[in-house]
Amino acid sequence: MIDLSQFKVLTFDCYGTLIDWDTSIAQLVEPWLREMNSPVPPDLVVSTFALMQARHQQTRPTLLYPEVLRRSWRDIEEQFGWDANPARADAFARSVPHWRPFADTLESLRYLGRYYDLAILSNVDNASLAGTLKMLEVPFLFTVTAEDVRSYKPEQPHFDAAFREVAQRGMRNSDILHVAQSKHHDVTPGNRLGLTTAWVNRRHGKKGTGATLATTAEPSLTVNSLAELVDLHRSTQAGTSPAALSQT
């Protein structure tokens, strides 16, 4: 059992963990699929996006995220044999600030923010994240973006930047609990660097891994939602242990 009282900072992945990018992307492309009379289901577009995005992030780590999205959409068009549509590519590239939070995100962040400093380590650009932060409504101690570090997770620079941020505030790496949905982007590098990691299994009960790549990694803690993390914290405050939560 992890003692949640040992941590001072919760660092979050944003998209997939706080923001429901699977649903948001599917809702964006559904009208396009109807216009094209395409039989491709939105979920397949989302999982294809995960592959295309990773390729651009790995080969061009300094590419700003809107351009990653634009190029990924063009790849998706090519993958499914659709005619190139620059207007759709541009809309896809600009879509991040319109992706919506999960239903439990805002309330959970408000609660957790009373006990921890909160931070974000995200694979987007500063402008896109700024649009999202307006929706999240809570203060963050710091944020680290791909634009800041000129790199994309699962590479190490995001985490190095976070370690510097907490050190400047007199805290240690062991004071961090890293909370994320993606084993590929977050749990695997977090484990490698000795971080305590909480995997939010947002696709619990669903097939596939959505907009992230599949990988095997053992987190320190598994919950199916941020609300479950909140419940775990409340139970430890009260000295009880909720059996519904899955821990590793």
Protein backbone atom coordinates (compact mmCIF):
# COMPACT_ATOMS: atom_id res chain seq x y z
CA MET A 1 0.00 0.00 0.00
CA ILE A 2 1.38 3.40 -0.99
CA ASP A 3 1.35 6.04 1.71
CA LEU A 4 -0.04 9.04 -0.15
CA SER A 5 0.95 11.34 2.69
CA GLN A 6 4.63 10.97 1.73
CA PHE A 7 4.20 13.04 -1.45
CA LYS A 8 4.21 16.81 -1.81
CA VAL A 9 3.77 17.18 -5.59
CA LEU A 10 1.47 15.42 -8.05
CA THR A 11 2.80 15.69 -11.61
CA PHE A 12 0.16 14.88 -14.20
CA ASP A 13 0.22 13.88 -17.78
CA CYS A 14 -2.52 16.05 -19.28
CA TYR A 15 -4.00 14.61 -22.48
CA GLY A 16 -5.45 11.18 -21.84
CA THR A 17 -5.26 11.67 -18.07
CA LEU A 18 -6.98 14.99 -17.34
CA ILE A 19 -8.34 15.58 -20.84
CA ASP A 20 -10.39 12.95 -22.67
CA TRP A 21 -8.55 13.14 -25.96
CA ASP A 22 -9.90 9.79 -27.22
CA THR A 23 -13.50 11.01 -27.10
CA SER A 24 -12.64 14.55 -28.19
CA ILE A 25 -10.75 13.38 -31.28
CA ALA A 26 -13.50 10.89 -32.15
CA GLN A 27 -16.14 13.61 -31.91
CA LEU A 28 -14.05 15.91 -34.09
CA VAL A 29 -13.64 13.39 -36.91
CA GLU A 30 -17.12 11.81 -36.84
CA PRO A 31 -18.69 14.48 -39.10
CA TRP A 32 -15.76 14.20 -41.50
CA LEU A 33 -16.26 10.45 -41.75
CA ARG A 34 -19.94 10.97 -42.53
CA GLU A 35 -19.10 13.56 -45.19
CA MET A 36 -16.69 11.10 -46.82
CA ASN A 37 -19.13 8.18 -46.45
CA SER A 38 -16.24 6.34 -44.84
CA PRO A 39 -16.86 3.03 -43.07
CA VAL A 40 -13.80 3.61 -40.87
CA PRO A 41 -14.93 3.83 -37.22
CA PRO A 42 -13.74 6.81 -35.16
CA ASP A 43 -11.94 4.52 -32.70
CA LEU A 44 -9.76 3.21 -35.53
CA VAL A 45 -8.88 6.78 -36.51
CA VAL A 46 -7.85 7.45 -32.90
CA SER A 47 -5.62 4.37 -32.67
CA THR A 48 -4.09 5.17 -36.08
CA PHE A 49 -3.40 8.67 -34.84
CA ALA A 50 -1.41 7.19 -31.93
CA LEU A 51 0.96 5.50 -34.39
CA MET A 52 1.34 8.49 -36.69
CA GLN A 53 1.86 10.93 -33.85
CA ALA A 54 4.57 8.78 -32.27
CA ARG A 55 6.46 8.58 -35.54
CA HIS A 56 6.61 12.35 -35.95
CA GLN A 57 7.49 12.94 -32.30
CA GLN A 58 10.33 10.45 -32.43
CA THR A 59 11.83 11.65 -35.71
CA ARG A 60 11.27 15.40 -35.20
CA PRO A 61 11.34 16.08 -31.45
CA THR A 62 11.53 19.87 -31.93
CA LEU A 63 8.41 19.96 -34.12
CA LEU A 64 5.66 21.95 -32.40
CA TYR A 65 2.61 19.91 -31.50
CA PRO A 66 0.11 21.58 -33.89
CA GLU A 67 2.40 20.60 -36.75
CA VAL A 68 2.62 17.06 -35.36
CA LEU A 69 -1.18 16.98 -35.47
CA ARG A 70 -1.33 18.40 -38.99
CA ARG A 71 1.16 15.89 -40.35
CA SER A 72 -0.51 13.05 -38.45
CA TRP A 73 -3.87 13.88 -40.05
CA ARG A 74 -2.30 13.87 -43.49
CA ASP A 75 -0.83 10.45 -42.70
CA ILE A 76 -4.26 9.23 -41.58
CA GLU A 77 -5.76 10.42 -44.88
CA GLU A 78 -3.10 8.53 -46.77
CA GLN A 79 -3.53 5.43 -44.59
CA PHE A 80 -7.24 5.17 -45.37
CA GLY A 81 -7.06 6.39 -48.96
CA TRP A 82 -8.94 9.63 -48.35
CA ASP A 83 -8.40 12.71 -50.50
CA ALA A 84 -6.15 15.29 -48.88
CA ASN A 85 -8.16 18.05 -47.23
CA PRO A 86 -6.03 20.95 -45.92
CA ALA A 87 -8.98 22.47 -44.06
CA ARG A 88 -9.42 19.28 -42.02
CA ALA A 89 -5.68 19.09 -41.37
CA ASP A 90 -5.72 22.67 -40.08
CA ALA A 91 -8.77 22.01 -37.89
CA PHE A 92 -7.09 18.92 -36.47
CA ALA A 93 -3.94 20.93 -35.74
CA ARG A 94 -5.93 23.62 -33.88
CA SER A 95 -8.16 21.24 -31.93
CA VAL A 96 -6.25 20.75 -28.67
CA PRO A 97 -7.75 23.70 -26.70
CA HIS A 98 -11.21 22.33 -27.51
CA TRP A 99 -10.58 18.82 -26.16
CA ARG A 100 -12.71 18.35 -23.06
CA PRO A 101 -11.78 17.19 -19.55
CA PHE A 102 -13.00 13.88 -18.16
CA ALA A 103 -16.11 14.21 -16.00
CA ASP A 104 -14.13 13.73 -12.77
CA THR A 105 -11.15 15.94 -13.61
CA LEU A 106 -12.13 19.35 -12.27
CA GLU A 107 -13.57 18.17 -8.97
CA SER A 108 -10.63 15.81 -8.42
CA LEU A 109 -8.05 18.52 -9.11
CA ARG A 110 -9.80 20.91 -6.73
CA TYR A 111 -9.68 18.28 -3.99
CA LEU A 112 -6.10 17.16 -4.61
CA GLY A 113 -4.92 20.76 -4.85
CA ARG A 114 -5.83 21.19 -1.19
CA TYR A 115 -3.22 18.60 -0.19
CA TYR A 116 -0.54 18.73 -2.89
CA ASP A 117 1.17 21.07 -5.28
CA LEU A 118 0.01 20.18 -8.79
CA ALA A 119 2.09 20.20 -11.98
CA ILE A 120 1.74 19.10 -15.61
CA LEU A 121 4.23 17.33 -17.89
CA SER A 122 2.69 17.46 -21.36
CA ASN A 123 3.61 16.57 -24.93
CA VAL A 124 1.98 19.68 -26.41
CA ASP A 125 3.04 23.26 -27.12
CA ASN A 126 2.59 26.21 -24.78
CA ALA A 127 -0.27 27.83 -26.67
CA SER A 128 -2.31 24.62 -26.79
CA LEU A 129 -1.75 23.96 -23.10
CA ALA A 130 -2.72 27.53 -22.25
CA GLY A 131 -6.13 26.93 -23.80
CA THR A 132 -6.56 23.76 -21.76
CA LEU A 133 -5.48 25.39 -18.50
CA LYS A 134 -8.40 27.80 -18.78
CA MET A 135 -10.74 24.80 -18.58
CA LEU A 136 -8.95 23.12 -15.69
CA GLU A 137 -9.46 26.16 -13.46
CA VAL A 138 -6.93 25.19 -10.74
CA PRO A 139 -3.44 26.62 -10.20
CA PHE A 140 -0.40 24.54 -11.14
CA LEU A 141 2.96 24.95 -9.47
CA PHE A 142 4.68 24.53 -12.84
CA THR A 143 4.11 23.08 -16.29
CA VAL A 144 6.56 21.45 -18.67
CA THR A 145 5.72 21.15 -22.37
CA ALA A 146 7.39 19.57 -25.36
CA GLU A 147 8.00 23.09 -26.61
CA ASP A 148 9.83 23.96 -23.38
CA VAL A 149 12.22 21.02 -23.51
CA ARG A 150 12.31 20.45 -27.30
CA SER A 151 11.53 16.80 -26.76
CA TYR A 152 8.58 14.45 -26.43
CA LYS A 153 7.89 11.89 -23.74
CA PRO A 154 8.80 9.07 -23.22
CA GLU A 155 12.21 10.73 -23.57
CA GLN A 156 13.75 12.06 -20.36
CA PRO A 157 13.85 15.90 -20.70
CA HIS A 158 10.32 16.47 -19.32
CA PHE A 159 11.25 14.60 -16.17
CA ASP A 160 14.62 16.31 -15.83
CA ALA A 161 12.83 19.66 -16.01
CA ALA A 162 10.37 18.54 -13.32
CA PHE A 163 13.25 17.42 -11.08
CA ARG A 164 14.83 20.86 -11.45
CA GLU A 165 11.55 22.59 -10.63
CA VAL A 166 10.99 20.66 -7.41
CA ALA A 167 14.65 21.00 -6.38
CA GLN A 168 14.41 24.78 -6.74
CA ARG A 169 11.55 24.64 -4.24
CA GLY A 170 13.49 22.59 -1.72
CA MET A 171 11.86 19.25 -2.52
CA ARG A 172 13.20 15.89 -3.65
CA ASN A 173 12.30 13.53 -6.48
CA SER A 174 10.84 11.18 -3.85
CA ASP A 175 8.29 13.89 -3.04
CA ILE A 176 6.72 13.42 -6.50
CA LEU A 177 3.86 11.09 -7.43
CA HIS A 178 3.59 11.01 -11.21
CA VAL A 179 -0.01 10.41 -12.34
CA ALA A 180 -0.68 9.37 -15.93
CA GLN A 181 -2.81 7.30 -18.29
CA SER A 182 -0.09 6.32 -20.72
CA LYS A 183 2.26 3.54 -19.72
CA HIS A 184 4.29 4.25 -22.85
CA HIS A 185 4.79 7.99 -22.34
CA ASP A 186 4.88 8.17 -18.55
CA VAL A 187 4.94 4.99 -16.49
CA THR A 188 7.85 3.39 -18.35
CA PRO A 189 10.19 6.42 -18.13
CA GLY A 190 8.95 7.22 -14.63
CA ASN A 191 9.86 3.75 -13.44
CA ARG A 192 13.24 3.98 -15.13
CA LEU A 193 13.97 7.22 -13.29
CA GLY A 194 12.87 5.93 -9.89
CA LEU A 195 9.62 7.91 -9.68
CA THR A 196 6.55 6.57 -7.92
CA THR A 197 3.93 6.26 -10.64
CA ALA A 198 0.14 6.09 -10.52
CA TRP A 199 -1.46 4.67 -13.66
CA VAL A 200 -4.94 6.02 -14.35
CA ASN A 201 -6.51 3.25 -16.45
CA ARG A 202 -8.90 5.55 -18.29
CA ARG A 203 -9.73 2.85 -20.85
CA HIS A 204 -10.81 0.38 -18.18
CA GLY A 205 -13.33 -1.99 -19.77
CA LYS A 206 -12.54 -0.82 -23.30
CA LYS A 207 -10.54 -2.54 -26.01
CA GLY A 208 -7.23 -1.13 -27.18
CA THR A 209 -5.11 1.74 -25.92
CA GLY A 210 -6.74 4.62 -27.80
CA ALA A 211 -4.49 7.55 -28.68
CA THR A 212 -1.44 6.11 -26.93
CA LEU A 213 0.83 3.21 -27.77
CA ALA A 214 0.61 -0.13 -26.01
CA THR A 215 3.45 -1.15 -23.75
CA THR A 216 3.98 -3.18 -20.60
CA ALA A 217 5.02 -1.39 -17.45
CA GLU A 218 4.16 -1.96 -13.82
CA PRO A 219 3.03 1.21 -12.04
CA SER A 220 3.31 1.68 -8.31
CA LEU A 221 -0.44 2.20 -8.10
CA THR A 222 -3.38 1.59 -10.44
CA VAL A 223 -6.70 3.44 -10.38
CA ASN A 224 -9.40 3.60 -13.02
CA SER A 225 -10.10 7.32 -12.62
CA LEU A 226 -8.96 10.42 -10.80
CA ALA A 227 -12.05 10.05 -8.64
CA GLU A 228 -10.63 6.73 -7.42
CA LEU A 229 -7.36 8.44 -6.53
CA VAL A 230 -9.36 10.99 -4.54
CA ASP A 231 -11.26 8.17 -2.80
CA LEU A 232 -7.96 6.49 -1.95
CA HIS A 233 -6.64 9.71 -0.45
CA ARG A 234 -9.83 10.22 1.56
CA SER A 235 -9.67 6.65 2.86
CA THR A 236 -6.07 7.01 3.97
CA GLN A 237 -6.97 10.26 5.71
CA ALA A 238 -9.65 8.33 7.56
CA GLY A 239 -7.39 5.32 8.16
CA THR A 240 -9.34 2.85 5.99
CA SER A 241 -8.51 0.99 2.77
CA PRO A 242 -11.02 0.82 -0.11
CA ALA A 243 -11.02 -2.71 -1.54
CA ALA A 244 -12.28 -1.46 -4.91
CA LEU A 245 -8.91 0.05 -5.78
CA SER A 246 -6.33 -2.07 -7.58
CA GLN A 247 -2.75 -1.69 -6.40
CA THR A 248 0.42 -3.28 -7.71
